[in-house]
């Protein structure tokens, strides 16, 4: 197990991590959290070399993907940088990439009732006005779980707040900040249930954020 204590705050600068081998010789990964080596709850940054493919596999409890670079593909379509995908529990596919790609992948973390297949091209989806100067692009909601992109204008300061059900962030551009530090592009953060922070930015910053999905301590 790796980073599976959800009461811990985790910060990983993924650009500084080394690529690790996968069962496919042309697919590489940087584990962020992992229940078991090749199964269970897993979050990773994954790189497909040009022409790489991965054998057909199923997603017992779903698969969530954000394409960070290049074009990710499977037998159902091609998904360019900025595409957000949700493959529901019980789905399966045979992924590949003709030109190479890098993706953020979350495996086996769906509620078993969350059966919606999602395909969002964030390059063409409009931003909505959020709190203060923020702009928000909702990607998925299921009961307590909310997933979105959030665009922070330069100089934006958000109010201090707590995270019921936790918060997970991947910094897509710019530098996200709070009272504990600075988190440049490529940083992955996981803040536990009822953690609190006071976030801000000094330059325009875009983050992928998921809230309400982590275990709630009784």
N, C-alpha and C. Protein backbone atom coordinates (compact mmCIF):
# COMPACT_ATOMS: atom_id res chain seq x y z
N UNK A 1 0.85 -1.20 0.00
CA UNK A 1 0.00 0.00 0.00
C UNK A 1 0.88 1.24 0.00
N UNK A 2 0.38 2.29 -0.64
CA UNK A 2 1.15 3.52 -0.78
C UNK A 2 0.20 4.71 -0.68
N UNK A 3 0.43 5.58 0.31
CA UNK A 3 -0.39 6.78 0.52
C UNK A 3 -1.88 6.45 0.69
N UNK A 4 -2.17 5.38 1.41
CA UNK A 4 -3.56 4.97 1.60
C UNK A 4 -4.13 5.35 2.97
N UNK A 5 -3.40 6.13 3.74
CA UNK A 5 -3.94 6.68 4.98
C UNK A 5 -4.60 8.01 4.64
N UNK A 6 -5.93 8.00 4.54
CA UNK A 6 -6.64 9.18 4.06
C UNK A 6 -6.77 10.27 5.12
N UNK A 7 -6.23 10.02 6.31
CA UNK A 7 -6.16 11.07 7.33
C UNK A 7 -4.91 11.93 7.15
N UNK A 8 -4.02 11.52 6.26
CA UNK A 8 -2.79 12.26 6.02
C UNK A 8 -2.95 13.24 4.86
N UNK A 9 -2.32 14.39 4.99
CA UNK A 9 -2.22 15.34 3.88
C UNK A 9 -1.03 14.93 3.02
N UNK A 10 -1.26 14.83 1.70
CA UNK A 10 -0.22 14.38 0.78
C UNK A 10 0.02 15.46 -0.28
N UNK A 11 1.29 15.75 -0.55
CA UNK A 11 1.68 16.66 -1.63
C UNK A 11 2.78 15.98 -2.43
N UNK A 12 2.56 15.81 -3.74
CA UNK A 12 3.56 15.20 -4.61
C UNK A 12 3.78 16.11 -5.82
N UNK A 13 5.03 16.51 -6.04
CA UNK A 13 5.40 17.27 -7.23
C UNK A 13 5.73 16.25 -8.32
N UNK A 14 4.75 15.95 -9.15
CA UNK A 14 4.89 14.81 -10.06
C UNK A 14 6.00 15.00 -11.09
N UNK A 15 6.32 16.25 -11.45
CA UNK A 15 7.40 16.45 -12.42
C UNK A 15 8.74 15.98 -11.87
N UNK A 16 8.88 15.91 -10.55
CA UNK A 16 10.14 15.50 -9.92
C UNK A 16 10.21 14.00 -9.68
N UNK A 17 9.10 13.29 -9.86
CA UNK A 17 9.08 11.85 -9.62
C UNK A 17 9.61 11.09 -10.84
N UNK A 18 10.18 9.92 -10.60
CA UNK A 18 10.71 9.09 -11.67
C UNK A 18 9.60 8.18 -12.23
N UNK A 19 9.65 7.97 -13.55
CA UNK A 19 8.71 7.04 -14.16
C UNK A 19 9.05 5.61 -13.74
N UNK A 20 8.00 4.82 -13.49
CA UNK A 20 8.16 3.42 -13.11
C UNK A 20 7.53 2.53 -14.17
N UNK A 21 8.05 1.33 -14.32
CA UNK A 21 7.54 0.40 -15.33
C UNK A 21 6.14 -0.08 -14.98
N UNK A 22 5.40 -0.43 -16.03
CA UNK A 22 4.06 -1.02 -15.88
C UNK A 22 4.08 -2.40 -16.55
N UNK A 23 2.98 -3.14 -16.52
CA UNK A 23 2.95 -4.43 -17.23
C UNK A 23 3.16 -4.32 -18.74
N UNK A 24 2.98 -3.12 -19.31
CA UNK A 24 3.27 -2.89 -20.72
C UNK A 24 4.62 -2.19 -20.84
N UNK A 25 5.48 -2.67 -21.73
CA UNK A 25 6.84 -2.14 -21.85
C UNK A 25 6.88 -0.70 -22.34
N UNK A 26 5.79 -0.22 -22.93
CA UNK A 26 5.77 1.13 -23.49
C UNK A 26 4.83 2.07 -22.73
N UNK A 27 4.40 1.63 -21.56
CA UNK A 27 3.54 2.45 -20.70
C UNK A 27 4.24 2.61 -19.36
N UNK A 28 4.34 3.85 -18.89
CA UNK A 28 5.06 4.18 -17.66
C UNK A 28 4.15 4.92 -16.70
N UNK A 29 4.49 4.89 -15.42
CA UNK A 29 3.58 5.52 -14.46
C UNK A 29 4.33 6.10 -13.26
N UNK A 30 3.67 7.07 -12.64
CA UNK A 30 4.13 7.67 -11.39
C UNK A 30 3.01 7.49 -10.37
N UNK A 31 3.12 6.52 -9.48
CA UNK A 31 2.05 6.27 -8.51
C UNK A 31 1.89 7.44 -7.53
N UNK A 32 0.65 7.79 -7.24
CA UNK A 32 0.33 8.82 -6.26
C UNK A 32 -0.30 8.21 -5.01
N UNK A 33 -1.15 7.23 -5.22
CA UNK A 33 -1.72 6.43 -4.12
C UNK A 33 -2.07 5.08 -4.71
N UNK A 34 -1.88 4.03 -3.92
CA UNK A 34 -2.08 2.69 -4.48
C UNK A 34 -2.39 1.69 -3.38
N UNK A 35 -3.48 0.95 -3.59
CA UNK A 35 -3.89 -0.07 -2.62
C UNK A 35 -3.09 -1.36 -2.79
N UNK A 36 -2.91 -1.78 -4.05
CA UNK A 36 -2.14 -2.97 -4.38
C UNK A 36 -1.41 -2.72 -5.69
N UNK A 37 -0.43 -3.56 -6.02
CA UNK A 37 0.44 -3.27 -7.15
C UNK A 37 -0.33 -3.15 -8.46
N UNK A 38 -1.26 -4.05 -8.73
CA UNK A 38 -1.97 -4.02 -10.01
C UNK A 38 -3.48 -4.10 -9.84
N UNK A 39 -4.00 -3.71 -8.67
CA UNK A 39 -5.44 -3.78 -8.47
C UNK A 39 -5.85 -2.83 -7.36
N UNK A 40 -7.18 -2.66 -7.22
CA UNK A 40 -7.71 -1.84 -6.14
C UNK A 40 -7.62 -0.36 -6.41
N UNK A 41 -7.83 0.41 -5.37
CA UNK A 41 -7.82 1.88 -5.40
C UNK A 41 -6.43 2.36 -5.84
N UNK A 42 -6.39 3.10 -6.95
CA UNK A 42 -5.11 3.56 -7.50
C UNK A 42 -5.28 4.93 -8.14
N UNK A 43 -4.32 5.83 -7.88
CA UNK A 43 -4.22 7.09 -8.60
C UNK A 43 -2.79 7.22 -9.10
N UNK A 44 -2.63 7.54 -10.40
CA UNK A 44 -1.30 7.62 -11.00
C UNK A 44 -1.30 8.64 -12.13
N UNK A 45 -0.11 9.16 -12.42
CA UNK A 45 0.14 9.82 -13.69
C UNK A 45 0.75 8.76 -14.60
N UNK A 46 0.20 8.59 -15.79
CA UNK A 46 0.60 7.50 -16.69
C UNK A 46 1.05 8.08 -18.03
N UNK A 47 2.17 7.57 -18.54
CA UNK A 47 2.69 8.01 -19.84
C UNK A 47 2.65 6.85 -20.83
N UNK A 48 2.01 7.10 -21.98
CA UNK A 48 2.04 6.18 -23.11
C UNK A 48 3.06 6.70 -24.11
N UNK A 49 4.04 5.88 -24.46
CA UNK A 49 4.95 6.25 -25.54
C UNK A 49 4.19 6.22 -26.86
N UNK A 50 4.75 6.86 -27.89
CA UNK A 50 4.11 6.83 -29.21
C UNK A 50 3.96 5.38 -29.66
N UNK A 51 2.74 5.03 -30.06
CA UNK A 51 2.46 3.67 -30.50
C UNK A 51 2.18 2.69 -29.39
N UNK A 52 2.16 3.16 -28.15
CA UNK A 52 1.96 2.26 -27.02
C UNK A 52 0.51 1.79 -26.92
N UNK A 53 0.33 0.62 -26.36
CA UNK A 53 -1.01 0.10 -26.11
C UNK A 53 -0.99 -0.68 -24.81
N UNK A 54 -2.17 -0.87 -24.26
CA UNK A 54 -2.33 -1.62 -23.02
C UNK A 54 -3.41 -2.66 -23.26
N UNK A 55 -3.23 -3.83 -22.71
CA UNK A 55 -4.18 -4.91 -22.95
C UNK A 55 -5.57 -4.53 -22.43
N UNK A 56 -6.59 -5.15 -23.02
CA UNK A 56 -7.96 -4.90 -22.56
C UNK A 56 -8.07 -5.21 -21.08
N UNK A 57 -8.73 -4.32 -20.37
CA UNK A 57 -8.93 -4.52 -18.94
C UNK A 57 -10.27 -3.94 -18.53
N UNK A 58 -10.78 -4.44 -17.43
CA UNK A 58 -12.06 -3.97 -16.92
C UNK A 58 -11.84 -3.05 -15.73
N UNK A 59 -12.88 -2.32 -15.39
CA UNK A 59 -12.84 -1.36 -14.28
C UNK A 59 -13.93 -1.75 -13.28
N UNK A 60 -13.64 -2.64 -12.34
CA UNK A 60 -14.67 -3.13 -11.42
C UNK A 60 -15.40 -2.01 -10.68
N UNK A 61 -14.65 -0.98 -10.29
CA UNK A 61 -15.26 0.16 -9.61
C UNK A 61 -14.91 1.47 -10.32
N UNK A 62 -14.87 1.41 -11.64
CA UNK A 62 -14.76 2.61 -12.44
C UNK A 62 -13.34 3.08 -12.71
N UNK A 63 -13.25 3.97 -13.71
CA UNK A 63 -11.98 4.59 -14.09
C UNK A 63 -12.24 6.04 -14.46
N UNK A 64 -11.41 6.92 -13.96
CA UNK A 64 -11.52 8.36 -14.18
C UNK A 64 -10.20 8.84 -14.79
N UNK A 65 -10.27 9.61 -15.88
CA UNK A 65 -9.07 10.03 -16.61
C UNK A 65 -9.15 11.51 -16.95
N UNK A 66 -8.03 12.21 -16.82
CA UNK A 66 -7.87 13.55 -17.37
C UNK A 66 -6.63 13.51 -18.25
N UNK A 67 -6.79 13.85 -19.53
CA UNK A 67 -5.67 13.83 -20.47
C UNK A 67 -4.85 15.10 -20.28
N UNK A 68 -3.58 14.92 -19.91
CA UNK A 68 -2.70 16.05 -19.60
C UNK A 68 -1.86 16.48 -20.80
N UNK A 69 -1.46 15.52 -21.64
CA UNK A 69 -0.65 15.82 -22.82
C UNK A 69 -1.01 14.82 -23.92
N UNK A 70 -0.92 15.25 -25.18
CA UNK A 70 -1.09 14.34 -26.30
C UNK A 70 -2.52 13.91 -26.52
N UNK A 71 -2.68 12.76 -27.17
CA UNK A 71 -4.01 12.20 -27.47
C UNK A 71 -4.06 10.76 -26.96
N UNK A 72 -4.99 10.51 -26.06
CA UNK A 72 -5.26 9.18 -25.51
C UNK A 72 -6.39 8.57 -26.33
N UNK A 73 -6.33 7.27 -26.58
CA UNK A 73 -7.34 6.63 -27.42
C UNK A 73 -7.73 5.27 -26.86
N UNK A 74 -8.93 4.83 -27.25
CA UNK A 74 -9.33 3.44 -27.08
C UNK A 74 -10.24 3.09 -28.24
N UNK A 75 -10.86 1.91 -28.20
CA UNK A 75 -11.68 1.48 -29.32
C UNK A 75 -12.93 2.33 -29.50
N UNK A 76 -13.22 3.20 -28.54
CA UNK A 76 -14.41 4.03 -28.60
C UNK A 76 -14.14 5.44 -29.14
N UNK A 77 -12.87 5.86 -29.19
CA UNK A 77 -12.60 7.21 -29.68
C UNK A 77 -11.21 7.71 -29.33
N UNK A 78 -10.96 8.96 -29.76
CA UNK A 78 -9.70 9.65 -29.48
C UNK A 78 -9.98 10.83 -28.57
N UNK A 79 -9.11 11.04 -27.58
CA UNK A 79 -9.36 12.03 -26.54
C UNK A 79 -8.13 12.93 -26.39
N UNK A 80 -8.20 14.16 -26.92
CA UNK A 80 -7.05 15.06 -26.88
C UNK A 80 -6.81 15.65 -25.49
N UNK A 81 -5.66 16.29 -25.35
CA UNK A 81 -5.33 16.99 -24.11
C UNK A 81 -6.52 17.83 -23.65
N UNK A 82 -6.85 17.73 -22.37
CA UNK A 82 -7.97 18.47 -21.83
C UNK A 82 -9.26 17.68 -21.76
N UNK A 83 -9.26 16.43 -22.23
CA UNK A 83 -10.47 15.61 -22.16
C UNK A 83 -10.59 14.94 -20.79
N UNK A 84 -11.80 14.99 -20.24
CA UNK A 84 -12.11 14.33 -18.96
C UNK A 84 -13.03 13.15 -19.24
N UNK A 85 -12.66 11.97 -18.74
CA UNK A 85 -13.41 10.74 -19.00
C UNK A 85 -13.79 10.06 -17.70
N UNK A 86 -14.97 9.47 -17.69
CA UNK A 86 -15.37 8.56 -16.61
C UNK A 86 -15.94 7.30 -17.26
N UNK A 87 -15.28 6.18 -16.99
CA UNK A 87 -15.74 4.88 -17.44
C UNK A 87 -16.34 4.16 -16.22
N UNK A 88 -17.64 3.88 -16.23
CA UNK A 88 -18.33 3.43 -15.01
C UNK A 88 -17.94 2.03 -14.57
N UNK A 89 -18.32 1.66 -13.35
CA UNK A 89 -18.05 0.31 -12.86
C UNK A 89 -18.54 -0.76 -13.83
N UNK A 90 -17.67 -1.74 -14.08
CA UNK A 90 -18.01 -2.82 -14.99
C UNK A 90 -17.62 -2.59 -16.43
N UNK A 91 -17.18 -1.37 -16.77
CA UNK A 91 -16.77 -1.08 -18.14
C UNK A 91 -15.40 -1.70 -18.42
N UNK A 92 -15.06 -1.79 -19.71
CA UNK A 92 -13.75 -2.28 -20.10
C UNK A 92 -13.34 -1.62 -21.41
N UNK A 93 -12.04 -1.57 -21.66
CA UNK A 93 -11.55 -1.02 -22.91
C UNK A 93 -10.12 -1.49 -23.16
N UNK A 94 -9.63 -1.15 -24.39
CA UNK A 94 -8.26 -1.47 -24.80
C UNK A 94 -7.58 -0.16 -25.19
N UNK A 95 -6.92 0.52 -24.25
CA UNK A 95 -6.37 1.85 -24.52
C UNK A 95 -5.05 1.81 -25.29
N UNK A 96 -4.80 2.92 -26.02
CA UNK A 96 -3.55 3.07 -26.76
C UNK A 96 -3.33 4.54 -27.05
N UNK A 97 -2.18 4.86 -27.61
CA UNK A 97 -1.90 6.23 -28.04
C UNK A 97 -0.98 6.19 -29.25
N UNK A 98 -1.43 6.74 -30.36
CA UNK A 98 -0.63 6.73 -31.58
C UNK A 98 0.59 7.64 -31.46
N UNK A 99 0.38 8.84 -30.92
CA UNK A 99 1.47 9.81 -30.84
C UNK A 99 2.08 9.96 -29.47
N UNK A 100 1.56 9.23 -28.49
CA UNK A 100 2.02 9.36 -27.11
C UNK A 100 1.14 10.31 -26.32
N UNK A 101 1.05 10.09 -25.03
CA UNK A 101 0.22 10.94 -24.18
C UNK A 101 0.61 10.77 -22.72
N UNK A 102 0.14 11.71 -21.90
CA UNK A 102 0.26 11.62 -20.45
C UNK A 102 -1.12 11.85 -19.87
N UNK A 103 -1.55 11.01 -18.94
CA UNK A 103 -2.88 11.10 -18.37
C UNK A 103 -2.82 10.97 -16.84
N UNK A 104 -3.77 11.62 -16.18
CA UNK A 104 -4.02 11.39 -14.76
C UNK A 104 -5.12 10.33 -14.68
N UNK A 105 -4.88 9.25 -13.96
CA UNK A 105 -5.82 8.13 -13.91
C UNK A 105 -6.17 7.80 -12.47
N UNK A 106 -7.47 7.63 -12.21
CA UNK A 106 -7.96 7.17 -10.91
C UNK A 106 -8.80 5.92 -11.16
N UNK A 107 -8.37 4.81 -10.55
CA UNK A 107 -9.02 3.52 -10.76
C UNK A 107 -9.74 3.04 -9.51
N UNK A 108 -10.92 2.44 -9.73
CA UNK A 108 -11.65 1.72 -8.68
C UNK A 108 -11.98 2.58 -7.48
N UNK A 109 -12.52 3.78 -7.77
CA UNK A 109 -12.87 4.71 -6.70
C UNK A 109 -14.31 5.21 -6.81
N UNK A 110 -15.10 4.63 -7.71
CA UNK A 110 -16.49 5.07 -7.90
C UNK A 110 -17.40 4.46 -6.84
N UNK A 111 -18.45 5.19 -6.50
CA UNK A 111 -19.58 4.58 -5.83
C UNK A 111 -20.21 3.59 -6.82
N UNK A 112 -20.56 2.40 -6.37
CA UNK A 112 -21.07 1.38 -7.29
C UNK A 112 -22.36 1.79 -7.97
N UNK A 113 -23.03 2.83 -7.45
CA UNK A 113 -24.27 3.32 -8.08
C UNK A 113 -24.00 4.41 -9.10
N UNK A 114 -22.76 4.87 -9.19
CA UNK A 114 -22.41 5.97 -10.10
C UNK A 114 -22.07 5.37 -11.46
N UNK A 115 -23.07 5.23 -12.32
CA UNK A 115 -22.94 4.49 -13.57
C UNK A 115 -22.91 5.38 -14.81
N UNK A 116 -22.78 6.69 -14.62
CA UNK A 116 -22.79 7.61 -15.75
C UNK A 116 -21.46 7.60 -16.48
N UNK A 117 -21.50 7.38 -17.80
CA UNK A 117 -20.30 7.53 -18.63
C UNK A 117 -20.15 9.00 -18.97
N UNK A 118 -18.96 9.54 -18.81
CA UNK A 118 -18.73 10.97 -19.01
C UNK A 118 -17.61 11.17 -20.03
N UNK A 119 -17.83 12.09 -20.98
CA UNK A 119 -16.83 12.53 -21.94
C UNK A 119 -16.94 14.04 -22.05
N UNK A 120 -15.98 14.78 -21.52
CA UNK A 120 -16.01 16.24 -21.55
C UNK A 120 -14.72 16.75 -22.18
N UNK A 121 -14.84 17.52 -23.26
CA UNK A 121 -13.68 18.20 -23.84
C UNK A 121 -13.61 19.58 -23.19
N UNK A 122 -12.70 19.75 -22.26
CA UNK A 122 -12.64 21.01 -21.52
C UNK A 122 -12.13 22.16 -22.37
N UNK A 123 -11.59 21.85 -23.56
CA UNK A 123 -11.13 22.92 -24.46
C UNK A 123 -12.29 23.68 -25.07
N UNK A 124 -13.45 23.05 -25.16
CA UNK A 124 -14.60 23.67 -25.82
C UNK A 124 -15.78 23.89 -24.88
N UNK A 125 -15.69 23.43 -23.65
CA UNK A 125 -16.77 23.61 -22.68
C UNK A 125 -16.67 24.99 -22.04
N UNK A 126 -17.76 25.75 -21.96
CA UNK A 126 -17.68 27.11 -21.41
C UNK A 126 -17.43 27.12 -19.90
N UNK A 127 -16.73 28.14 -19.46
CA UNK A 127 -16.53 28.39 -18.03
C UNK A 127 -17.77 29.07 -17.46
N UNK A 128 -18.07 28.79 -16.20
CA UNK A 128 -19.17 29.43 -15.49
C UNK A 128 -18.59 30.30 -14.38
N UNK A 129 -19.33 31.34 -14.03
CA UNK A 129 -18.86 32.22 -12.96
C UNK A 129 -18.93 31.49 -11.63
N UNK A 130 -17.85 31.58 -10.85
CA UNK A 130 -17.81 31.00 -9.52
C UNK A 130 -17.77 32.07 -8.46
N UNK A 131 -17.36 31.72 -7.26
CA UNK A 131 -17.27 32.69 -6.18
C UNK A 131 -16.12 33.65 -6.43
N UNK A 132 -16.34 34.92 -6.08
CA UNK A 132 -15.31 35.92 -6.29
C UNK A 132 -14.96 36.03 -7.75
N UNK A 133 -13.68 36.00 -8.07
CA UNK A 133 -13.25 36.07 -9.45
C UNK A 133 -13.03 34.72 -10.10
N UNK A 134 -13.36 33.64 -9.39
CA UNK A 134 -13.13 32.31 -9.93
C UNK A 134 -14.07 31.99 -11.08
N UNK A 135 -13.58 31.15 -12.01
CA UNK A 135 -14.42 30.55 -13.04
C UNK A 135 -14.37 29.04 -12.84
N UNK A 136 -15.51 28.40 -13.06
CA UNK A 136 -15.65 26.97 -12.74
C UNK A 136 -16.18 26.22 -13.96
N UNK A 137 -15.66 25.02 -14.19
CA UNK A 137 -16.18 24.14 -15.23
C UNK A 137 -16.56 22.81 -14.57
N UNK A 138 -17.83 22.62 -14.20
CA UNK A 138 -18.23 21.36 -13.58
C UNK A 138 -18.00 20.19 -14.54
N UNK A 139 -17.46 19.09 -14.01
CA UNK A 139 -17.19 17.90 -14.81
C UNK A 139 -18.07 16.73 -14.41
N UNK A 140 -18.37 16.61 -13.12
CA UNK A 140 -19.20 15.49 -12.66
C UNK A 140 -19.63 15.73 -11.23
N UNK A 141 -20.86 15.33 -10.93
CA UNK A 141 -21.38 15.38 -9.56
C UNK A 141 -22.14 14.10 -9.28
N UNK A 142 -21.89 13.51 -8.14
CA UNK A 142 -22.68 12.37 -7.70
C UNK A 142 -22.78 12.43 -6.18
N UNK A 143 -23.98 12.73 -5.70
CA UNK A 143 -24.22 12.89 -4.27
C UNK A 143 -23.20 13.84 -3.67
N UNK A 144 -22.33 13.36 -2.79
CA UNK A 144 -21.40 14.24 -2.09
C UNK A 144 -20.14 14.54 -2.90
N UNK A 145 -19.92 13.83 -4.00
CA UNK A 145 -18.69 14.00 -4.78
C UNK A 145 -18.87 15.04 -5.88
N UNK A 146 -17.92 15.96 -5.99
CA UNK A 146 -17.97 17.01 -7.01
C UNK A 146 -16.60 17.13 -7.68
N UNK A 147 -16.60 17.17 -9.01
CA UNK A 147 -15.36 17.28 -9.78
C UNK A 147 -15.49 18.46 -10.73
N UNK A 148 -14.44 19.28 -10.82
CA UNK A 148 -14.50 20.47 -11.67
C UNK A 148 -13.09 20.95 -12.00
N UNK A 149 -13.01 21.78 -13.05
CA UNK A 149 -11.84 22.62 -13.25
C UNK A 149 -12.16 23.98 -12.64
N UNK A 150 -11.16 24.62 -12.05
CA UNK A 150 -11.33 25.95 -11.49
C UNK A 150 -10.21 26.84 -12.00
N UNK A 151 -10.60 27.97 -12.58
CA UNK A 151 -9.63 28.95 -13.08
C UNK A 151 -9.55 30.11 -12.09
N UNK A 152 -8.34 30.35 -11.61
CA UNK A 152 -8.06 31.42 -10.66
C UNK A 152 -7.40 32.59 -11.40
N UNK A 153 -7.99 33.78 -11.39
CA UNK A 153 -7.31 34.93 -12.00
C UNK A 153 -6.14 35.37 -11.13
N UNK A 154 -5.18 36.03 -11.74
CA UNK A 154 -4.01 36.51 -11.00
C UNK A 154 -4.44 37.36 -9.81
N UNK A 155 -3.86 37.08 -8.65
CA UNK A 155 -4.14 37.86 -7.44
C UNK A 155 -5.35 37.42 -6.66
N UNK A 156 -6.04 36.36 -7.09
CA UNK A 156 -7.26 35.92 -6.40
C UNK A 156 -6.93 35.29 -5.04
N UNK A 157 -7.70 35.68 -4.03
CA UNK A 157 -7.59 35.11 -2.69
C UNK A 157 -8.95 34.55 -2.30
N UNK A 158 -9.00 33.27 -1.92
CA UNK A 158 -10.26 32.64 -1.55
C UNK A 158 -10.35 32.60 -0.03
N UNK A 159 -11.56 32.55 0.47
CA UNK A 159 -11.77 32.54 1.92
C UNK A 159 -11.27 31.23 2.53
N UNK A 160 -10.84 31.26 3.79
CA UNK A 160 -10.48 30.01 4.47
C UNK A 160 -11.69 29.08 4.50
N UNK A 161 -11.47 27.80 4.27
CA UNK A 161 -12.59 26.86 4.26
C UNK A 161 -12.12 25.46 4.64
N UNK A 162 -13.08 24.63 5.07
CA UNK A 162 -12.82 23.24 5.41
C UNK A 162 -13.35 22.34 4.31
N UNK A 163 -12.80 21.12 4.26
CA UNK A 163 -13.15 20.17 3.21
C UNK A 163 -13.90 18.98 3.82
N UNK A 164 -15.22 19.04 3.80
CA UNK A 164 -16.00 17.89 4.26
C UNK A 164 -15.85 16.79 3.21
N UNK A 165 -15.38 15.63 3.63
CA UNK A 165 -15.13 14.56 2.67
C UNK A 165 -13.84 14.75 1.89
N UNK A 166 -13.01 15.68 2.33
CA UNK A 166 -11.69 15.84 1.73
C UNK A 166 -11.68 16.60 0.42
N UNK A 167 -10.47 16.80 -0.07
CA UNK A 167 -10.25 17.53 -1.32
C UNK A 167 -9.00 16.98 -2.01
N UNK A 168 -9.09 16.87 -3.31
CA UNK A 168 -7.95 16.42 -4.12
C UNK A 168 -7.75 17.42 -5.25
N UNK A 169 -6.51 17.82 -5.50
CA UNK A 169 -6.20 18.85 -6.49
C UNK A 169 -5.06 18.37 -7.38
N UNK A 170 -5.15 18.66 -8.68
CA UNK A 170 -4.02 18.52 -9.59
C UNK A 170 -3.85 19.86 -10.29
N UNK A 171 -2.66 20.45 -10.17
CA UNK A 171 -2.42 21.79 -10.74
C UNK A 171 -2.08 21.64 -12.21
N UNK A 172 -2.94 22.21 -13.07
CA UNK A 172 -2.77 22.08 -14.52
C UNK A 172 -1.92 23.19 -15.11
N UNK A 173 -1.97 24.38 -14.53
CA UNK A 173 -1.14 25.49 -15.01
C UNK A 173 -1.00 26.50 -13.89
N UNK A 174 0.04 27.33 -13.96
CA UNK A 174 0.26 28.34 -12.95
C UNK A 174 0.82 27.76 -11.66
N UNK A 175 0.58 28.47 -10.55
CA UNK A 175 1.07 28.05 -9.23
C UNK A 175 -0.05 28.28 -8.22
N UNK A 176 -0.56 27.20 -7.64
CA UNK A 176 -1.57 27.25 -6.60
C UNK A 176 -0.85 27.43 -5.26
N UNK A 177 -1.44 28.20 -4.34
CA UNK A 177 -0.77 28.48 -3.07
C UNK A 177 -1.76 28.43 -1.91
N UNK A 178 -1.23 28.16 -0.72
CA UNK A 178 -1.97 28.36 0.51
C UNK A 178 -0.95 28.67 1.61
N UNK A 179 -1.42 28.72 2.85
CA UNK A 179 -0.52 29.11 3.93
C UNK A 179 0.57 28.07 4.20
N UNK A 180 0.45 26.88 3.60
CA UNK A 180 1.45 25.83 3.83
C UNK A 180 2.53 25.77 2.75
N UNK A 181 2.28 26.41 1.60
CA UNK A 181 3.29 26.32 0.56
C UNK A 181 2.80 26.73 -0.81
N UNK A 182 3.65 26.47 -1.80
CA UNK A 182 3.36 26.77 -3.20
C UNK A 182 3.37 25.47 -3.99
N UNK A 183 2.45 25.35 -4.97
CA UNK A 183 2.25 24.11 -5.68
C UNK A 183 2.21 24.39 -7.18
N UNK A 184 3.34 24.23 -7.86
CA UNK A 184 3.39 24.55 -9.29
C UNK A 184 2.69 23.50 -10.15
N UNK A 185 2.63 23.78 -11.44
CA UNK A 185 2.04 22.86 -12.40
C UNK A 185 2.57 21.44 -12.18
N UNK A 186 1.66 20.47 -12.21
CA UNK A 186 2.04 19.08 -12.02
C UNK A 186 1.98 18.60 -10.59
N UNK A 187 1.62 19.49 -9.65
CA UNK A 187 1.53 19.07 -8.25
C UNK A 187 0.18 18.41 -7.97
N UNK A 188 0.23 17.31 -7.23
CA UNK A 188 -0.98 16.61 -6.77
C UNK A 188 -1.08 16.77 -5.26
N UNK A 189 -2.25 17.20 -4.79
CA UNK A 189 -2.49 17.38 -3.36
C UNK A 189 -3.71 16.57 -2.95
N UNK A 190 -3.64 16.00 -1.75
CA UNK A 190 -4.81 15.34 -1.16
C UNK A 190 -4.95 15.83 0.27
N UNK A 191 -6.03 16.56 0.53
CA UNK A 191 -6.32 17.12 1.85
C UNK A 191 -7.43 16.31 2.51
N UNK A 192 -7.24 15.84 3.74
CA UNK A 192 -8.20 14.92 4.36
C UNK A 192 -9.50 15.60 4.80
N UNK A 193 -10.44 14.76 5.18
CA UNK A 193 -11.74 15.20 5.70
C UNK A 193 -11.56 16.24 6.80
N UNK A 194 -12.26 17.36 6.65
CA UNK A 194 -12.31 18.48 7.60
C UNK A 194 -10.97 19.20 7.75
N UNK A 195 -10.05 19.00 6.83
CA UNK A 195 -8.85 19.83 6.80
C UNK A 195 -9.25 21.24 6.37
N UNK A 196 -8.40 22.20 6.65
CA UNK A 196 -8.72 23.60 6.36
C UNK A 196 -7.51 24.29 5.75
N UNK A 197 -7.75 25.19 4.81
CA UNK A 197 -6.67 26.02 4.29
C UNK A 197 -7.23 27.32 3.73
N UNK A 198 -6.30 28.22 3.36
CA UNK A 198 -6.63 29.56 2.88
C UNK A 198 -5.91 29.76 1.55
N UNK A 199 -6.50 29.29 0.44
CA UNK A 199 -5.79 29.29 -0.83
C UNK A 199 -5.80 30.65 -1.54
N UNK A 200 -4.76 30.83 -2.37
CA UNK A 200 -4.64 32.06 -3.17
C UNK A 200 -3.68 31.80 -4.32
N UNK A 201 -3.63 32.74 -5.25
CA UNK A 201 -2.66 32.68 -6.35
C UNK A 201 -2.13 34.07 -6.62
N UNK A 202 -0.97 34.14 -7.25
CA UNK A 202 -0.43 35.43 -7.69
C UNK A 202 -0.41 35.53 -9.20
N UNK A 203 -0.56 34.41 -9.89
CA UNK A 203 -0.67 34.38 -11.35
C UNK A 203 -1.86 33.52 -11.73
N UNK A 204 -2.37 33.69 -12.96
CA UNK A 204 -3.51 32.86 -13.37
C UNK A 204 -3.15 31.39 -13.23
N UNK A 205 -4.06 30.64 -12.64
CA UNK A 205 -3.81 29.24 -12.31
C UNK A 205 -5.07 28.43 -12.58
N UNK A 206 -4.90 27.25 -13.16
CA UNK A 206 -6.03 26.34 -13.39
C UNK A 206 -5.76 25.04 -12.65
N UNK A 207 -6.75 24.59 -11.89
CA UNK A 207 -6.63 23.33 -11.15
C UNK A 207 -7.79 22.41 -11.48
N UNK A 208 -7.52 21.11 -11.45
CA UNK A 208 -8.57 20.09 -11.42
C UNK A 208 -8.80 19.79 -9.95
N UNK A 209 -10.06 19.78 -9.53
CA UNK A 209 -10.34 19.60 -8.10
C UNK A 209 -11.52 18.64 -7.91
N UNK A 210 -11.37 17.77 -6.93
CA UNK A 210 -12.43 16.83 -6.55
C UNK A 210 -12.65 16.97 -5.05
N UNK A 211 -13.89 17.07 -4.63
CA UNK A 211 -14.20 17.23 -3.21
C UNK A 211 -15.27 16.24 -2.78
N UNK A 212 -15.27 15.94 -1.47
CA UNK A 212 -16.34 15.15 -0.88
C UNK A 212 -16.25 13.65 -1.07
N UNK A 213 -15.12 13.15 -1.60
CA UNK A 213 -15.02 11.74 -1.98
C UNK A 213 -14.19 10.89 -1.04
N UNK A 214 -13.48 11.54 -0.11
CA UNK A 214 -12.60 10.79 0.79
C UNK A 214 -13.37 10.31 2.02
N UNK A 215 -12.84 9.30 2.72
CA UNK A 215 -13.54 8.76 3.89
C UNK A 215 -13.79 9.82 4.95
N UNK A 216 -14.97 9.76 5.53
CA UNK A 216 -15.35 10.68 6.60
C UNK A 216 -15.16 9.96 7.93
N UNK A 217 -14.26 10.47 8.76
CA UNK A 217 -13.99 9.83 10.05
C UNK A 217 -15.21 9.94 10.95
N UNK A 218 -15.53 8.86 11.63
CA UNK A 218 -16.69 8.83 12.53
C UNK A 218 -16.29 9.28 13.92
